[in-house]
Each structure stands twice: as C-alpha cells, then as structure tokens.
C-alpha atoms as a PDB file:
ATOM      1  CA  MET A   1       0.030  -0.034  -0.145  1.00  0.00           C
ATOM      2  CA  VAL A   2       1.313   3.354  -0.814  1.00  0.00           C
ATOM      3  CA  ASN A   3       1.577   6.115   1.864  1.00  0.00           C
ATOM      4  CA  ARG A   4       0.348   9.531   0.997  1.00  0.00           C
ATOM      5  CA  ASN A   5       2.507  12.354   0.657  1.00  0.00           C
ATOM      6  CA  TYR A   6       0.390  14.769   2.929  1.00  0.00           C
ATOM      7  CA  LYS A   7       3.158  17.501   2.773  1.00  0.00           C
ATOM      8  CA  PHE A   8       3.004  17.591  -1.033  1.00  0.00           C
ATOM      9  CA  GLU A   9      -0.734  17.718  -1.036  1.00  0.00           C
ATOM     10  CA  LYS A  10      -0.666  20.472   1.563  1.00  0.00           C
ATOM     11  CA  ARG A  11       1.840  22.452  -0.683  1.00  0.00           C
ATOM     12  CA  GLN A  12      -0.066  22.007  -3.973  1.00  0.00           C
ATOM     13  CA  LYS A  13      -3.080  23.162  -2.185  1.00  0.00           C
ATOM     14  CA  ASP A  14      -1.656  26.389  -0.611  1.00  0.00           C
ATOM     15  CA  LEU A  15       0.045  26.949  -4.430  1.00  0.00           C
ATOM     16  CA  ALA A  16      -3.541  26.585  -5.881  1.00  0.00           C
ATOM     17  CA  LYS A  17      -4.789  29.255  -3.123  1.00  0.00           C
ATOM     18  CA  GLN A  18      -2.018  31.712  -3.760  1.00  0.00           C
ATOM     19  CA  LYS A  19      -2.585  31.755  -7.352  1.00  0.00           C
ATOM     20  CA  LYS A  20      -6.550  32.244  -7.083  1.00  0.00           C
ATOM     21  CA  LYS A  21      -5.888  34.745  -4.705  1.00  0.00           C
ATOM     22  CA  GLU A  22      -3.514  36.673  -7.092  1.00  0.00           C
ATOM     23  CA  GLU A  23      -5.558  36.294  -9.997  1.00  0.00           C
ATOM     24  CA  LYS A  24      -8.409  37.797  -7.713  1.00  0.00           C
ATOM     25  CA  MET A  25      -6.105  40.788  -6.866  1.00  0.00           C
ATOM     26  CA  GLN A  26      -5.261  41.125 -10.621  1.00  0.00           C
ATOM     27  CA  ARG A  27      -8.938  41.221 -11.502  1.00  0.00           C
ATOM     28  CA  LYS A  28      -9.822  43.650  -8.927  1.00  0.00           C
ATOM     29  CA  MET A  29      -6.823  46.064  -9.940  1.00  0.00           C
ATOM     30  CA  THR A  30      -7.851  45.835 -13.618  1.00  0.00           C
ATOM     31  CA  ARG A  31     -11.323  46.626 -12.450  1.00  0.00           C
ATOM     32  CA  LYS A  32     -10.278  49.721 -10.376  1.00  0.00           C
ATOM     33  CA  GLN A  33      -8.092  51.158 -13.056  1.00  0.00           C
ATOM     34  CA  SER A  34     -11.046  50.950 -15.728  1.00  0.00           C
ATOM     35  CA  ASP A  35     -13.232  52.319 -13.063  1.00  0.00           C
ATOM     36  CA  ASP A  36     -10.967  55.418 -12.457  1.00  0.00           C
ATOM     37  CA  GLN A  37     -10.535  56.147 -16.221  1.00  0.00           C
ATOM     38  CA  ASP A  38     -14.341  55.849 -16.656  1.00  0.00           C
ATOM     39  CA  GLY A  39     -15.195  57.982 -13.261  1.00  0.00           C
ATOM     40  CA  GLN A  40     -13.117  60.995 -14.117  1.00  0.00           C
ATOM     41  CA  PRO A  41     -16.151  62.627 -16.301  1.00  0.00           C
ATOM     42  CA  ASP A  42     -18.549  61.621 -13.334  1.00  0.00           C
ATOM     43  CA  ASN A  43     -16.692  63.720 -10.734  1.00  0.00           C
ATOM     44  CA  ASP A  44     -17.831  67.075 -12.554  1.00  0.00           C
ATOM     45  CA  PRO A  45     -21.562  66.589 -11.455  1.00  0.00           C
ATOM     46  CA  GLY A  46     -20.241  66.129  -8.077  1.00  0.00           C
ATOM     47  CA  ASP A  47     -18.284  69.437  -7.904  1.00  0.00           C
ATOM     48  CA  ASP A  48     -21.421  71.144  -8.550  1.00  0.00           C
ATOM     49  CA  SER A  49     -23.342  69.656  -5.527  1.00  0.00           C
ATOM     50  CA  ASP A  50     -20.636  71.127  -3.313  1.00  0.00           C
ATOM     51  CA  GLU A  51     -21.348  74.374  -4.581  1.00  0.00           C
ATOM     52  CA  GLN A  52     -24.981  74.191  -3.606  1.00  0.00           C
ATOM     53  CA  ALA A  53     -24.146  72.782   0.200  1.00  0.00           C
ATOM     54  CA  PRO A  54     -22.646  76.073   1.057  1.00  0.00           C
ATOM     55  CA  ALA A  55     -25.984  78.074  -0.162  1.00  0.00           C
ATOM     56  CA  ASP A  56     -27.967  75.540   2.075  1.00  0.00           C
ATOM     57  CA  LYS A  57     -25.845  76.347   4.971  1.00  0.00           C
ATOM     58  CA  ASP A  58     -26.472  80.008   4.708  1.00  0.00           C
ATOM     59  CA  GLU A  59     -30.246  79.727   4.671  1.00  0.00           C
ATOM     60  CA  GLU A  60     -30.122  77.765   8.068  1.00  0.00           C
ATOM     61  CA  SER A  61     -28.355  80.534   9.845  1.00  0.00           C
END
C-alpha cells in the first residue's frame, strides 16, 4: 500500500490558493483602473453639488 504524501498535497493546495488569490487581486486592480478612467467625467457633477451645500448652510443661519 502506498503512503500518502500529505506535505506535497498541502503544498499543492497552498499554491493553488495563492494563485487564485493573486488572480483575484489582479482582476480587482484591472477593474479599479478601468473605473478610475471611466469615473473622471462623473466627478464633474459631484463638484456642482459641493457648491450648493454652502448655500444651504447660509439659509439655515
């Protein structure tokens, strides 16, 4: 009967987990970069809302 090599199995499992984690991180970085490029024009309407906020504060005083 053949003995199982648990260290080898564990090492292979750990390498698979690490590879999967790295791939996931790479996908997140790619998504973040594409969101940053797409998000730049969307920031302009947000600047308009900041200008309205001080006007609201003046009305409350």
